[in-house]
Amino acid sequence: MTQSRTEAEYCAEKLKALSDPLRLRIVELLQQGELAVGDICEFLDTEMVLVSHHLQILKGADLVASRRDGRYMLYSLKPGLLKRDARNTSAQLDFGCCQLQVPHPPQPD
């Protein structure tokens, strides 16, 4: 029972990090690949401090990775987290303990 409780807690941590609509929108954007905070802000028409806060929550839940490129911080989904179907029509976040289907990212106008 201890093992399944640990898995349940692990999965609940991931789902809790995704429980905010803005964080889900960030995950949608990051499906396309690495983005700087400023790019995410522009796509979502949201202030940088708010986007940075939500990125830190996603990073703390081990859903998002970051790397420095000069003076910019670039964010991406953790490697192996996003699983696409063969036709690339849907994707799931695979936590190991459970999977969550995520919508396709918005297409640029």
C-alpha atoms as a PDB file:
ATOM      1  CA  MET A   1       0.000   0.000   0.000  1.00  0.00           C
ATOM      2  CA  THR A   2       2.895   2.366   0.655  1.00  0.00           C
ATOM      3  CA  GLN A   3       4.067   2.055  -2.960  1.00  0.00           C
ATOM      4  CA  SER A   4       0.637   2.876  -4.461  1.00  0.00           C
ATOM      5  CA  ARG A   5       0.207   5.773  -2.023  1.00  0.00           C
ATOM      6  CA  THR A   6       3.577   7.099  -3.212  1.00  0.00           C
ATOM      7  CA  GLU A   7       2.462   6.763  -6.842  1.00  0.00           C
ATOM      8  CA  ALA A   8      -0.826   8.487  -6.014  1.00  0.00           C
ATOM      9  CA  GLU A   9       1.008  11.366  -4.345  1.00  0.00           C
ATOM     10  CA  TYR A  10       3.411  11.629  -7.287  1.00  0.00           C
ATOM     11  CA  CYS A  11       0.556  11.752  -9.789  1.00  0.00           C
ATOM     12  CA  ALA A  12      -1.452  14.191  -7.648  1.00  0.00           C
ATOM     13  CA  GLU A  13       1.562  16.553  -7.565  1.00  0.00           C
ATOM     14  CA  LYS A  14       1.683  16.596 -11.366  1.00  0.00           C
ATOM     15  CA  LEU A  15      -2.059  17.093 -11.738  1.00  0.00           C
ATOM     16  CA  LYS A  16      -2.092  19.838  -9.096  1.00  0.00           C
ATOM     17  CA  ALA A  17       0.592  21.736 -11.030  1.00  0.00           C
ATOM     18  CA  LEU A  18      -1.650  21.551 -14.105  1.00  0.00           C
ATOM     19  CA  SER A  19      -4.797  22.642 -12.274  1.00  0.00           C
ATOM     20  CA  ASP A  20      -4.485  26.287 -13.315  1.00  0.00           C
ATOM     21  CA  PRO A  21      -5.765  27.337 -16.776  1.00  0.00           C
ATOM     22  CA  LEU A  22      -2.717  29.544 -17.423  1.00  0.00           C
ATOM     23  CA  ARG A  23      -0.344  26.672 -16.662  1.00  0.00           C
ATOM     24  CA  LEU A  24      -2.273  24.446 -19.074  1.00  0.00           C
ATOM     25  CA  ARG A  25      -1.957  27.133 -21.738  1.00  0.00           C
ATOM     26  CA  ILE A  26       1.799  27.313 -21.091  1.00  0.00           C
ATOM     27  CA  VAL A  27       2.036  23.529 -21.525  1.00  0.00           C
ATOM     28  CA  GLU A  28       0.088  23.836 -24.780  1.00  0.00           C
ATOM     29  CA  LEU A  29       2.622  26.363 -26.078  1.00  0.00           C
ATOM     30  CA  LEU A  30       5.621  24.322 -24.967  1.00  0.00           C
ATOM     31  CA  GLN A  31       4.400  21.367 -27.047  1.00  0.00           C
ATOM     32  CA  GLN A  32       5.844  23.227 -30.030  1.00  0.00           C
ATOM     33  CA  GLY A  33       9.278  23.379 -28.429  1.00  0.00           C
ATOM     34  CA  GLU A  34      11.495  25.639 -26.407  1.00  0.00           C
ATOM     35  CA  LEU A  35      10.327  29.202 -25.718  1.00  0.00           C
ATOM     36  CA  ALA A  36      11.657  32.202 -23.825  1.00  0.00           C
ATOM     37  CA  VAL A  37       9.498  33.769 -21.109  1.00  0.00           C
ATOM     38  CA  GLY A  38       8.956  36.860 -23.258  1.00  0.00           C
ATOM     39  CA  ASP A  39       7.624  34.737 -26.114  1.00  0.00           C
ATOM     40  CA  ILE A  40       5.219  32.947 -23.777  1.00  0.00           C
ATOM     41  CA  CYS A  41       4.043  36.314 -22.422  1.00  0.00           C
ATOM     42  CA  GLU A  42       3.429  37.594 -25.917  1.00  0.00           C
ATOM     43  CA  PHE A  43       1.472  34.499 -27.024  1.00  0.00           C
ATOM     44  CA  LEU A  44      -0.660  34.557 -23.872  1.00  0.00           C
ATOM     45  CA  ASP A  45      -0.914  38.356 -23.562  1.00  0.00           C
ATOM     46  CA  THR A  46       0.110  38.020 -19.902  1.00  0.00           C
ATOM     47  CA  GLU A  47       2.585  39.837 -17.665  1.00  0.00           C
ATOM     48  CA  MET A  48       6.082  38.401 -17.311  1.00  0.00           C
ATOM     49  CA  VAL A  49       5.947  38.145 -13.521  1.00  0.00           C
ATOM     50  CA  LEU A  50       2.805  35.979 -13.730  1.00  0.00           C
ATOM     51  CA  VAL A  51       4.212  33.715 -16.450  1.00  0.00           C
ATOM     52  CA  SER A  52       7.492  33.334 -14.529  1.00  0.00           C
ATOM     53  CA  HIS A  53       5.575  32.376 -11.376  1.00  0.00           C
ATOM     54  CA  HIS A  54       3.616  29.682 -13.214  1.00  0.00           C
ATOM     55  CA  LEU A  55       6.737  28.383 -14.958  1.00  0.00           C
ATOM     56  CA  GLN A  56       8.381  27.932 -11.560  1.00  0.00           C
ATOM     57  CA  ILE A  57       5.411  25.885 -10.350  1.00  0.00           C
ATOM     58  CA  LEU A  58       5.617  23.689 -13.469  1.00  0.00           C
ATOM     59  CA  LYS A  59       9.368  23.373 -13.027  1.00  0.00           C
ATOM     60  CA  GLY A  60       8.941  22.460  -9.340  1.00  0.00           C
ATOM     61  CA  ALA A  61       6.569  19.665 -10.371  1.00  0.00           C
ATOM     62  CA  ASP A  62       9.260  18.426 -12.796  1.00  0.00           C
ATOM     63  CA  LEU A  63       7.104  19.093 -15.861  1.00  0.00           C
ATOM     64  CA  VAL A  64       9.231  21.862 -17.382  1.00  0.00           C
ATOM     65  CA  ALA A  65      12.967  22.185 -17.944  1.00  0.00           C
ATOM     66  CA  SER A  66      14.909  25.407 -18.352  1.00  0.00           C
ATOM     67  CA  ARG A  67      18.254  26.391 -19.755  1.00  0.00           C
ATOM     68  CA  ARG A  68      20.101  29.647 -20.112  1.00  0.00           C
ATOM     69  CA  ASP A  69      20.946  30.945 -23.569  1.00  0.00           C
ATOM     70  CA  GLY A  70      22.939  34.126 -23.080  1.00  0.00           C
ATOM     71  CA  ARG A  71      20.693  36.464 -21.152  1.00  0.00           C
ATOM     72  CA  TYR A  72      17.512  34.475 -21.893  1.00  0.00           C
ATOM     73  CA  MET A  73      15.971  31.576 -20.010  1.00  0.00           C
ATOM     74  CA  LEU A  74      14.407  29.064 -22.364  1.00  0.00           C
ATOM     75  CA  TYR A  75      11.714  26.680 -21.193  1.00  0.00           C
ATOM     76  CA  SER A  76      10.582  23.356 -22.611  1.00  0.00           C
ATOM     77  CA  LEU A  77       8.596  20.337 -21.520  1.00  0.00           C
ATOM     78  CA  LYS A  78      10.721  17.729 -19.771  1.00  0.00           C
ATOM     79  CA  PRO A  79      12.148  15.207 -22.253  1.00  0.00           C
ATOM     80  CA  GLY A  80       9.960  12.126 -22.559  1.00  0.00           C
ATOM     81  CA  LEU A  81       6.946  13.784 -20.962  1.00  0.00           C
ATOM     82  CA  LEU A  82       5.015  14.434 -24.181  1.00  0.00           C
ATOM     83  CA  LYS A  83       3.901  11.386 -26.155  1.00  0.00           C
ATOM     84  CA  ARG A  84       2.320  11.933 -29.582  1.00  0.00           C
ATOM     85  CA  ASP A  85       0.232   9.442 -31.523  1.00  0.00           C
ATOM     86  CA  ALA A  86       1.452   8.143 -34.883  1.00  0.00           C
ATOM     87  CA  ARG A  87      -0.658  10.618 -36.883  1.00  0.00           C
ATOM     88  CA  ASN A  88       0.391  13.552 -34.659  1.00  0.00           C
ATOM     89  CA  THR A  89      -3.278  14.375 -34.050  1.00  0.00           C
ATOM     90  CA  SER A  90      -3.197  14.112 -30.274  1.00  0.00           C
ATOM     91  CA  ALA A  91      -0.690  14.072 -27.463  1.00  0.00           C
ATOM     92  CA  GLN A  92      -0.549  12.961 -23.855  1.00  0.00           C
ATOM     93  CA  LEU A  93       1.548  13.994 -20.932  1.00  0.00           C
ATOM     94  CA  ASP A  94       2.863  10.688 -19.626  1.00  0.00           C
ATOM     95  CA  PHE A  95       3.659  10.807 -15.900  1.00  0.00           C
ATOM     96  CA  GLY A  96       4.333   7.077 -15.682  1.00  0.00           C
ATOM     97  CA  CYS A  97       1.516   6.620 -13.177  1.00  0.00           C
ATOM     98  CA  CYS A  98      -1.122   8.194 -15.412  1.00  0.00           C
ATOM     99  CA  GLN A  99      -1.522  10.050 -18.694  1.00  0.00           C
ATOM    100  CA  LEU A 100      -3.307  13.288 -19.478  1.00  0.00           C
ATOM    101  CA  GLN A 101      -4.442  14.171 -22.983  1.00  0.00           C
ATOM    102  CA  VAL A 102      -3.561  17.751 -23.842  1.00  0.00           C
ATOM    103  CA  PRO A 103      -5.035  19.922 -26.574  1.00  0.00           C
ATOM    104  CA  HIS A 104      -2.990  20.892 -29.602  1.00  0.00           C
ATOM    105  CA  PRO A 105      -1.208  24.212 -29.265  1.00  0.00           C
ATOM    106  CA  PRO A 106      -2.856  27.211 -30.887  1.00  0.00           C
ATOM    107  CA  GLN A 107      -1.799  27.816 -34.487  1.00  0.00           C
ATOM    108  CA  PRO A 108      -0.302  31.199 -35.359  1.00  0.00           C
ATOM    109  CA  ASP A 109      -2.522  33.518 -37.395  1.00  0.00           C
END
